[in-house]
Protein backbone atom coordinates (compact mmCIF):
# COMPACT_ATOMS: atom_id res chain seq x y z
CA MET A 1 -0.06 0.02 -0.04
CA THR A 2 1.33 3.59 -0.84
CA ASN A 3 2.04 6.21 1.37
CA LYS A 4 -1.16 7.88 0.11
CA LEU A 5 -2.76 5.51 1.97
CA LYS A 6 -2.17 5.35 5.48
CA ILE A 7 -4.98 5.14 7.43
CA THR A 8 -3.45 4.71 10.61
CA PHE A 9 -2.28 7.35 12.58
CA LEU A 10 1.10 7.02 15.27
CA LEU A 11 -0.82 7.60 18.72
CA GLY A 12 2.24 6.58 20.79
CA ILE A 13 5.42 5.06 21.02
CA PHE A 14 4.96 1.82 20.60
CA MET A 15 8.55 1.40 21.93
CA MET A 16 9.00 -2.44 22.92
CA ILE A 17 11.11 -2.26 26.47
CA PHE A 18 12.61 -5.75 25.67
CA SER A 19 14.12 -4.23 22.58
CA SER A 20 17.32 -2.93 22.04
CA ASN A 21 18.33 -0.33 24.50
CA MET A 22 19.51 2.93 23.59
CA ASN A 23 22.43 2.44 26.43
CA ALA A 24 23.89 -0.57 24.90
CA GLN A 25 27.27 -0.90 24.45
CA LEU A 26 28.11 1.36 20.99
CA LYS A 27 30.48 0.84 18.74
CA PRO A 28 33.51 2.85 17.73
CA GLY A 29 32.10 5.68 15.50
CA GLU A 30 28.61 5.41 16.31
CA LEU A 31 26.69 7.97 17.53
CA VAL A 32 25.75 8.65 21.49
CA ASP A 33 22.42 8.96 22.02
CA GLY A 34 20.93 12.76 22.02
CA ILE A 35 18.24 14.45 21.11
CA ALA A 36 16.68 14.24 17.48
CA ALA A 37 13.94 16.87 18.15
CA VAL A 38 11.98 19.12 20.35
CA ILE A 39 8.30 20.20 20.06
CA GLY A 40 7.31 22.85 22.88
CA ASP A 41 8.75 21.36 26.14
CA GLU A 42 8.59 17.68 24.60
CA ILE A 43 11.94 15.74 23.52
CA VAL A 44 12.03 13.12 21.06
CA LEU A 45 15.32 11.26 21.27
CA GLU A 46 17.44 9.52 19.02
CA SER A 47 17.08 6.36 20.74
CA ASP A 48 13.46 6.69 20.12
CA VAL A 49 13.20 7.28 16.43
CA ASN A 50 15.78 3.69 16.02
CA GLU A 51 13.63 1.77 18.67
CA GLN A 52 10.51 2.64 16.44
CA MET A 53 12.40 1.71 13.18
CA ASN A 54 13.37 -1.68 15.03
CA TYR A 55 10.22 -2.41 16.26
CA ALA A 56 8.29 -2.01 12.43
CA LYS A 57 11.08 -4.36 11.15
CA GLN A 58 10.18 -7.16 13.95
CA GLN A 59 6.94 -6.94 12.94
CA GLY A 60 7.77 -7.06 8.86
CA ALA A 61 7.41 -3.92 7.54
CA SER A 62 9.82 -3.83 4.70
CA ASP A 63 9.96 0.21 4.44
CA THR A 64 11.90 1.98 7.17
CA ASP A 65 12.43 5.44 6.62
CA LYS A 66 13.73 7.40 8.97
CA CYS A 67 12.75 10.57 8.36
CA GLU A 68 9.24 9.03 7.98
CA PHE A 69 9.62 7.28 11.56
CA LEU A 70 10.78 10.63 13.05
CA GLU A 71 8.17 12.72 11.14
CA ASN A 72 5.67 10.35 13.12
CA LEU A 73 7.15 10.89 16.56
CA ILE A 74 7.30 14.68 16.20
CA SER A 75 3.34 14.43 15.36
CA ASN A 76 2.66 12.55 18.44
CA LYS A 77 4.73 14.41 20.82
CA LEU A 78 2.76 18.07 19.54
CA LEU A 79 -0.66 16.19 19.95
CA VAL A 80 1.15 14.97 23.81
CA TYR A 81 2.46 18.85 24.20
CA GLU A 82 -1.05 20.11 22.94
CA ALA A 83 -3.14 17.46 25.43
CA LYS A 84 -1.14 18.49 28.26
CA LYS A 85 -2.44 21.95 28.06
CA ASP A 86 -6.01 20.82 27.06
CA THR A 87 -8.48 21.62 30.46
CA LEU A 88 -10.68 19.00 29.25
CA ILE A 89 -8.21 16.04 29.67
CA GLU A 90 -7.71 14.43 32.83
CA ASN A 91 -3.71 15.22 33.68
CA ARG A 92 -3.02 11.75 35.04
CA SER A 93 0.83 12.09 34.87
CA ALA A 94 0.95 11.01 38.63
CA ALA A 95 -1.38 8.30 38.30
CA ILE A 96 0.51 6.96 35.37
CA LYS A 97 3.80 7.27 37.63
CA ASP A 98 1.99 5.03 39.80
CA GLN A 99 0.99 2.53 37.13
CA ALA A 100 4.47 2.11 35.85
CA ASN A 101 5.88 1.32 39.04
CA ALA A 102 3.10 -1.62 39.37
CA LYS A 103 3.91 -2.42 35.92
CA TYR A 104 7.54 -2.76 36.93
CA ARG A 105 6.97 -5.12 39.77
CA GLN A 106 4.36 -7.11 38.11
CA LEU A 107 7.25 -7.67 35.69
CA LEU A 108 9.58 -8.52 38.30
CA SER A 109 7.44 -11.14 39.54
CA GLN A 110 8.03 -12.93 36.42
CA PHE A 111 11.68 -13.38 37.01
CA PRO A 112 13.77 -15.23 39.97
CA ASP A 113 15.70 -11.79 41.08
CA GLU A 114 15.64 -8.02 39.56
CA LYS A 115 19.14 -8.73 38.10
CA THR A 116 18.03 -11.54 35.85
CA MET A 117 15.05 -9.04 34.66
CA LEU A 118 16.71 -5.96 34.38
CA ALA A 119 19.58 -8.39 31.77
CA ALA A 120 16.49 -9.37 29.90
CA TYR A 121 15.30 -5.95 28.97
CA LYS A 122 18.68 -4.76 28.87
CA PHE A 123 18.41 -1.70 31.15
CA ARG A 124 21.30 -0.70 33.99
CA ASN A 125 18.97 -0.60 36.39
CA GLY A 126 14.96 -0.13 38.40
CA PHE A 127 15.32 3.75 37.77
CA GLU A 128 15.77 3.48 34.09
CA MET A 129 13.42 0.83 33.36
CA LYS A 130 10.30 2.51 35.40
CA ASN A 131 11.30 5.78 33.26
CA ALA A 132 10.93 4.21 29.93
CA ILE A 133 7.68 2.31 31.16
CA GLU A 134 5.95 5.68 32.33
CA LYS A 135 7.29 7.69 29.17
CA ILE A 136 6.13 4.80 27.16
CA ASP A 137 2.16 5.24 29.05
CA ILE A 138 2.49 8.98 29.41
CA ASP A 139 2.76 9.54 25.88
CA GLN A 140 0.25 6.90 24.93
CA TYR A 141 -2.15 8.48 26.94
CA TYR A 142 -1.72 12.17 26.22
CA GLY A 143 -1.50 11.25 22.57
CA GLN A 144 -4.38 9.19 22.55
CA ALA A 145 -6.66 11.63 24.48
CA LYS A 146 -5.93 14.56 22.23
CA TYR A 147 -6.33 12.26 18.99
CA GLN A 148 -9.92 11.55 20.38
CA ARG A 149 -10.17 15.27 21.03
CA VAL A 150 -9.62 16.27 17.47
CA THR A 151 -11.51 13.69 15.81
CA GLU A 152 -14.28 13.31 17.61
CA LYS A 153 -16.91 14.41 15.08
CA ALA A 154 -15.35 12.74 12.53
CA ASP A 155 -17.71 10.69 10.26
CA VAL A 156 -18.42 9.19 6.49
CA THR A 157 -21.58 9.10 4.53
CA PRO A 158 -21.95 5.89 2.50
CA ASN A 159 -20.83 8.24 -0.77
CA GLU A 160 -17.74 8.74 1.01
CA VAL A 161 -17.60 5.18 1.54
CA THR A 162 -17.54 4.19 -1.98
CA ASP A 163 -15.63 7.03 -3.15
CA PHE A 164 -12.91 5.73 -1.06
CA TYR A 165 -13.40 2.40 -2.02
CA ASN A 166 -12.84 3.45 -5.84
CA LEU A 167 -9.94 5.77 -5.15
CA TYR A 168 -7.81 3.05 -3.40
CA LYS A 169 -9.66 -0.45 -4.28
CA MET A 170 -6.24 -1.24 -6.61
CA GLN A 171 -4.24 -1.03 -3.36
CA LEU A 172 -6.53 -2.45 -1.03
CA PRO A 173 -4.55 -5.69 0.53
CA GLU A 174 -6.46 -9.23 0.29
CA VAL A 175 -8.08 -10.65 3.19
CA LYS A 176 -6.98 -13.51 4.79
CA ASP A 177 -8.87 -16.37 6.16
CA GLU A 178 -11.33 -15.11 8.86
CA ILE A 179 -13.40 -16.60 11.19
CA SER A 180 -16.08 -15.21 13.28
CA VAL A 181 -16.59 -16.54 16.51
CA SER A 182 -19.31 -15.98 19.58
CA GLN A 183 -18.72 -17.79 22.79
CA ILE A 184 -19.61 -18.21 26.50
CA VAL A 185 -17.58 -18.06 29.12
CA MET A 186 -17.87 -19.50 32.77
CA TYR A 187 -16.12 -18.47 36.01
CA PRO A 188 -16.02 -22.04 37.72
CA LYS A 189 -18.06 -21.72 41.42
CA LEU A 190 -15.85 -23.05 44.16
CA THR A 191 -17.52 -24.90 46.72
CA GLU A 192 -18.56 -23.61 49.73
CA ALA A 193 -15.76 -25.63 51.71
CA HIS A 194 -13.36 -24.20 49.09
CA LYS A 195 -14.69 -20.51 49.83
CA GLU A 196 -14.65 -21.18 53.79
CA ASP A 197 -10.80 -22.09 53.40
CA LEU A 198 -9.72 -18.84 51.68
CA ILE A 199 -11.93 -16.82 54.54
CA LYS A 200 -10.51 -18.94 57.30
CA ARG A 201 -6.96 -17.91 55.91
CA LEU A 202 -7.48 -14.62 55.31
CA LYS A 203 -9.05 -13.73 58.89
CA LYS A 204 -5.71 -15.73 60.02
CA ILE A 205 -3.60 -13.19 58.42
CA LYS A 206 -5.84 -10.34 59.69
CA ALA A 207 -5.41 -11.81 63.60
CA ASP A 208 -1.60 -11.75 62.95
CA ILE A 209 -1.55 -8.10 62.15
CA ALA A 210 -3.49 -7.32 64.92
CA ALA A 211 -1.20 -9.12 67.11
CA GLY A 212 1.87 -6.95 65.73
CA GLU A 213 2.81 -8.48 62.47
CA THR A 214 2.65 -5.34 59.73
CA PHE A 215 0.04 -5.48 56.47
CA GLU A 216 3.13 -4.74 54.58
CA SER A 217 5.10 -7.53 55.41
CA GLN A 218 2.18 -10.17 55.72
CA ALA A 219 0.97 -8.79 51.65
CA ARG A 220 4.51 -9.63 50.36
CA ILE A 221 4.41 -13.49 52.25
CA TYR A 222 0.54 -14.22 51.18
CA SER A 223 -0.24 -12.13 48.87
CA GLU A 224 -1.12 -13.45 45.37
CA ASP A 225 -1.35 -10.46 43.57
CA GLU A 226 0.94 -9.97 41.33
CA GLY A 227 1.04 -6.29 41.20
CA SER A 228 1.03 -5.51 44.46
CA ALA A 229 2.45 -8.02 46.78
CA ALA A 230 6.10 -6.91 46.22
CA ASN A 231 5.43 -3.65 47.10
CA GLY A 232 3.07 -4.89 50.21
CA GLY A 233 0.15 -4.88 48.47
CA LEU A 234 0.39 -0.64 48.29
CA TYR A 235 -1.80 0.83 45.28
CA LYS A 236 -1.39 4.20 45.27
CA ASN A 237 -3.64 6.92 43.60
CA ILE A 238 -6.56 4.74 42.88
CA TYR A 239 -9.30 6.78 41.20
CA LYS A 240 -12.75 6.21 41.96
CA GLY A 241 -14.10 3.25 39.26
CA GLN A 242 -10.71 2.21 38.78
CA MET A 243 -11.26 -0.93 41.07
CA VAL A 244 -13.85 -3.55 40.77
CA LYS A 245 -16.94 -2.36 42.84
CA PRO A 246 -16.68 -4.81 45.74
CA PHE A 247 -12.95 -3.86 46.39
CA GLU A 248 -13.69 -0.24 45.90
CA ALA A 249 -16.90 -0.11 47.97
CA ALA A 250 -15.03 -1.98 51.01
CA ALA A 251 -12.27 0.17 50.82
CA LEU A 252 -14.00 3.54 51.03
CA ASN A 253 -16.28 2.70 53.69
CA LEU A 254 -13.20 1.96 55.86
CA GLN A 255 -11.44 4.62 58.18
CA ASP A 256 -7.67 5.30 57.62
CA ASN A 257 -5.52 2.42 58.78
CA GLU A 258 -8.67 0.55 59.13
CA ILE A 259 -8.40 -3.20 58.06
CA SER A 260 -11.77 -4.81 56.10
CA ASP A 261 -13.09 -8.43 56.79
CA PRO A 262 -12.72 -11.01 53.66
CA ILE A 263 -14.46 -9.62 50.75
CA GLU A 264 -14.97 -11.39 47.64
CA SER A 265 -14.68 -9.94 44.15
CA GLU A 266 -14.35 -11.74 40.75
CA PHE A 267 -10.53 -12.28 41.50
CA GLY A 268 -10.86 -14.11 44.81
CA TYR A 269 -11.05 -12.97 48.53
CA HIS A 270 -9.37 -10.17 50.15
CA ILE A 271 -8.72 -8.06 52.84
CA ILE A 272 -8.14 -4.55 52.71
CA GLN A 273 -6.14 -1.79 54.35
CA LEU A 274 -7.16 2.12 53.44
CA ILE A 275 -4.17 4.19 53.59
CA LYS A 276 -5.69 7.42 53.38
CA LYS A 277 -8.48 9.07 50.84
CA SER A 278 -8.87 12.57 49.68
CA GLY A 279 -11.18 13.38 47.37
CA LYS A 280 -11.90 10.92 44.27
CA VAL A 281 -8.74 9.57 45.13
CA TYR A 282 -7.26 6.56 47.32
CA ASP A 283 -4.44 4.66 48.57
CA ALA A 284 -4.87 1.16 49.84
CA ARG A 285 -2.65 -2.08 50.37
CA HIS A 286 -4.79 -5.52 50.03
CA ILE A 287 -3.78 -9.14 50.24
CA LEU A 288 -5.67 -11.41 47.55
CA LEU A 289 -5.98 -15.14 47.65
CA LYS A 290 -7.14 -16.00 44.22
CA ALA A 291 -9.88 -17.98 43.52
CA THR A 292 -8.16 -20.94 41.78
CA PRO A 293 -10.17 -23.79 40.96
CA THR A 294 -9.52 -27.27 41.68
CA ASP A 295 -10.06 -30.01 39.06
CA GLU A 296 -13.36 -30.91 40.43
CA GLU A 297 -14.75 -27.39 40.59
CA LEU A 298 -13.83 -26.95 36.68
CA LYS A 299 -15.30 -30.99 35.97
CA MET A 300 -18.92 -29.24 37.36
CA ALA A 301 -18.36 -25.94 35.16
CA LYS A 302 -17.33 -28.01 32.26
CA ALA A 303 -21.04 -29.98 32.82
CA LYS A 304 -22.82 -27.13 33.42
CA LEU A 305 -21.86 -25.44 30.31
CA ASP A 306 -22.14 -28.92 28.31
CA SER A 307 -25.93 -28.71 29.45
CA ILE A 308 -26.30 -25.54 28.05
CA LYS A 309 -24.68 -26.34 24.80
CA GLY A 310 -27.74 -29.18 24.64
CA LEU A 311 -30.01 -26.64 25.33
CA ILE A 312 -28.99 -25.00 22.57
CA ILE A 313 -28.63 -27.73 20.01
CA ASP A 314 -32.27 -29.11 20.97
CA GLY A 315 -33.25 -25.39 20.24
CA LYS A 316 -34.64 -24.65 23.44
CA ILE A 317 -32.54 -21.53 23.57
CA SER A 318 -30.36 -19.52 21.17
CA PHE A 319 -26.76 -18.89 21.36
CA LYS A 320 -27.32 -15.36 21.68
CA ASP A 321 -29.79 -15.58 24.51
CA ALA A 322 -27.78 -18.41 26.46
CA ALA A 323 -24.54 -15.83 26.10
CA PHE A 324 -26.60 -12.79 27.89
CA LYS A 325 -28.14 -15.36 30.76
CA PHE A 326 -25.02 -17.43 31.56
CA SER A 327 -21.95 -15.91 30.35
CA ASP A 328 -19.92 -13.96 32.71
CA ASP A 329 -17.58 -12.70 30.24
CA LYS A 330 -18.59 -8.62 30.16
CA LYS A 331 -16.97 -8.17 26.85
CA THR A 332 -19.28 -10.18 25.02
CA LYS A 333 -21.92 -11.67 26.88
CA PHE A 334 -24.30 -8.17 26.03
CA ASN A 335 -22.89 -8.40 22.06
CA ALA A 336 -24.52 -11.89 21.42
CA GLY A 337 -21.05 -13.60 23.22
CA VAL A 338 -19.23 -12.41 19.40
CA ILE A 339 -15.43 -11.87 19.66
CA SER A 340 -14.32 -8.59 17.90
CA GLY A 341 -11.12 -8.69 16.37
CA ALA A 342 -8.66 -6.43 16.30
CA ASP A 343 -10.23 -3.95 14.12
CA GLY A 344 -13.61 -3.86 16.18
CA SER A 345 -15.48 -6.16 13.82
CA ASP A 346 -16.45 -9.37 14.46
CA LYS A 347 -14.21 -11.00 11.62
CA ILE A 348 -10.35 -12.51 13.49
CA GLU A 349 -7.88 -13.84 10.84
CA ARG A 350 -7.29 -17.49 11.28
CA GLU A 351 -3.51 -17.42 12.10
CA SER A 352 -4.15 -15.15 15.00
CA ILE A 353 -6.37 -17.47 17.01
CA PRO A 354 -4.30 -18.45 20.19
CA GLY A 355 -2.98 -22.30 19.30
CA SER A 356 -5.61 -23.64 22.35
CA ILE A 357 -9.12 -22.57 20.93
CA THR A 358 -7.57 -23.71 17.08
CA TYR A 359 -7.48 -27.13 19.00
CA GLU A 360 -11.20 -26.67 19.98
CA LEU A 361 -12.05 -25.39 16.38
CA ALA A 362 -10.63 -28.06 14.76
CA GLY A 363 -12.80 -30.10 12.50
CA LEU A 364 -15.53 -27.76 12.68
CA ASN A 365 -18.15 -26.94 10.62
CA LYS A 366 -20.28 -23.56 10.47
CA GLY A 367 -22.23 -23.14 13.23
CA ASP A 368 -20.92 -26.24 15.01
CA ILE A 369 -20.07 -25.57 18.80
CA THR A 370 -17.45 -26.71 20.71
CA ALA A 371 -17.55 -28.94 23.68
CA ALA A 372 -16.80 -26.89 26.92
CA PHE A 373 -13.24 -26.73 27.69
CA ASP A 374 -10.61 -24.61 30.38
CA GLU A 375 -8.50 -22.23 29.73
CA GLU A 376 -6.36 -19.31 31.06
CA GLU A 377 -7.59 -15.90 30.33
CA ASN A 378 -6.12 -12.64 31.95
CA LYS A 379 -4.28 -15.17 34.68
CA ARG A 380 -7.47 -16.79 35.90
CA LYS A 381 -9.27 -19.91 35.12
CA VAL A 382 -12.17 -19.86 32.76
CA VAL A 383 -14.22 -22.25 31.17
CA LYS A 384 -16.07 -21.79 27.75
CA ILE A 385 -17.53 -23.16 24.85
CA ILE A 386 -17.00 -21.60 21.57
CA LYS A 387 -19.78 -21.42 18.44
CA LEU A 388 -18.29 -21.17 14.97
CA GLU A 389 -20.29 -18.47 13.78
CA ASP A 390 -19.14 -17.94 10.04
CA VAL A 391 -15.82 -19.18 7.94
CA ILE A 392 -14.79 -16.61 5.13
CA PRO A 393 -12.08 -17.78 2.74
CA ALA A 394 -9.08 -15.44 1.99
CA HIS A 395 -10.46 -12.76 -0.71
CA GLN A 396 -9.83 -9.39 -2.20
CA ILE A 397 -11.70 -6.49 -0.62
CA THR A 398 -14.95 -5.86 -2.32
CA LEU A 399 -17.83 -3.02 -0.94
CA GLU A 400 -20.04 -6.34 -1.23
CA THR A 401 -18.38 -8.21 1.11
CA ASP A 402 -16.36 -6.00 3.34
CA TYR A 403 -18.44 -2.62 3.68
CA ASN A 404 -18.01 -2.14 7.50
CA ARG A 405 -14.13 -2.89 7.01
CA ILE A 406 -13.66 -0.20 4.21
CA LYS A 407 -16.21 2.11 6.15
CA GLN A 408 -13.47 2.18 8.87
CA MET A 409 -10.92 2.54 6.58
CA ALA A 410 -12.61 5.61 4.75
CA LEU A 411 -13.30 6.98 8.58
CA ASN A 412 -9.63 6.46 9.41
CA LYS A 413 -8.41 8.88 6.56
CA LYS A 414 -10.94 11.65 7.41
CA ARG A 415 -9.46 11.19 11.05
CA ASN A 416 -5.56 11.38 10.18
CA GLU A 417 -6.44 14.24 7.68
CA MET A 418 -8.42 16.15 10.65
CA VAL A 419 -5.57 15.18 12.53
CA GLU A 420 -2.68 16.53 10.03
CA LYS A 421 -4.74 19.69 9.88
CA PHE A 422 -4.88 20.49 13.41
CA VAL A 423 -1.51 19.61 13.81
CA ASN A 424 -0.57 22.39 11.09
CA SER A 425 -2.52 24.36 12.60
CA LYS A 426 -0.28 24.39 15.65
CA LEU A 427 3.02 24.68 13.81
CA PRO A 428 3.28 28.88 13.67
CA THR A 429 2.68 28.97 17.42
CA THR A 430 4.96 26.05 18.40
CA PHE A 431 8.46 26.09 19.55
CA ILE A 432 9.94 23.25 16.88
CA SER A 433 13.41 22.07 16.62
CA ILE A 434 15.39 19.22 14.78
CA ASP A 435 18.59 18.27 14.67
CA GLY A 436 20.69 18.86 12.06
CA ARG A 437 21.19 15.19 11.18
CA TYR A 438 17.73 15.37 9.67
CA ASP A 439 18.36 18.28 7.47
CA ASN A 440 17.85 16.54 4.47
CA CYS A 441 14.53 14.70 5.47
CA LYS A 442 11.18 15.75 3.15
CA PHE A 443 8.78 16.13 5.75
CA LYS A 444 5.48 16.13 4.52
CA ALA A 445 4.62 19.34 7.24
CA ASN A 446 6.64 22.51 7.20
CA TRP A 447 8.19 21.23 10.50
CA LYS A 448 11.40 23.43 9.98
CA LYS A 449 8.87 26.97 9.44
CA GLU A 450 10.54 27.26 5.96
CA SER A 451 9.36 29.76 3.86
CA ILE A 452 6.59 28.39 1.15
CA LYS A 453 7.45 30.36 -2.19
CA LYS A 454 4.05 31.52 -3.60
């Protein structure tokens, strides 16, 4: 596809923190990392450009024009700069910083020690890695927020969709083999004995804290929350609505330093200690014991789903109604159980389906339903059945078969044009400096603010 048809816009710095780090050992004659561009008070480093290119190569891109990558980064930085001045966009820098620390701790939980993790991700120390995570998340949040503000009124008419297709149909890619699938997901129910055991263990931990142990030390020992256990169960700057409802309701009903009785959420059982609250923000510690089902509990959930499958096959209930009535997956139960693809449609490239699901779908025809099976989803054991709704062989995109997909492409193009117009409107009043290494670049926008000959 040519540059004319760039239907996506860089919303964030998709830097892979496990790709080559900017501080890797340099070879003789190599340029030390420096500033590639300054936009307002935002900075693009030379390493940012290189990492963008490396990531694109890893994803199979053949065209890696360094000037183009720099321009994408500058465009995004201008959106970030403008977003931070926009009073209608919430300032979440402090919260993102704390989330970066939480992400760091979660990554650390997957390694035997910090040294091993830093070596794997090629960072010299934890401070450097946390800064990299924070930088990525801040740029992505503000870039996306401003992009959405600029493009919130974008829309396309049927005529515009047709015009888009007629103009670009020779450049549109072939669609790979796709399928449409729906699912019913169940969280296996714990037996009463299992629940009582978890509650009893949490009550014992709470009693030990009352007897002199610290909540922080007990969280490090017992909590099964990978995101907070290493930090003594602490979450800082939690915004109301950010945590699941049972957690938040229990936390906000506590006084400072008070500890809750065991409470149940979709993740398991917790005890919570409120550290402090101020307006819509609070800090809290918790200890989580996950609701990990036993083999017998998994077996019971599968039996229930298989009986629901029988009702569907017998015509006593539709898959759509069964998903709404029985599924525990909030993302799909209100949408007939349909699983959305990466582009938001109901079509998923067959090659992107996880191997465990591909195995379950093997040999099925359109309209068939799998037997109940279990898998891990978001670090939680679930049981599900999947219906193969449709099979779409590879084909060239047409208006007749792919109208919604083409409409989304046309809408993305219009959004990008709106963003380009916004960016160009800010050029005269924004400080922009690009390093001389890029003097020969032919940018689309007038970043260098050169005089335009009439």
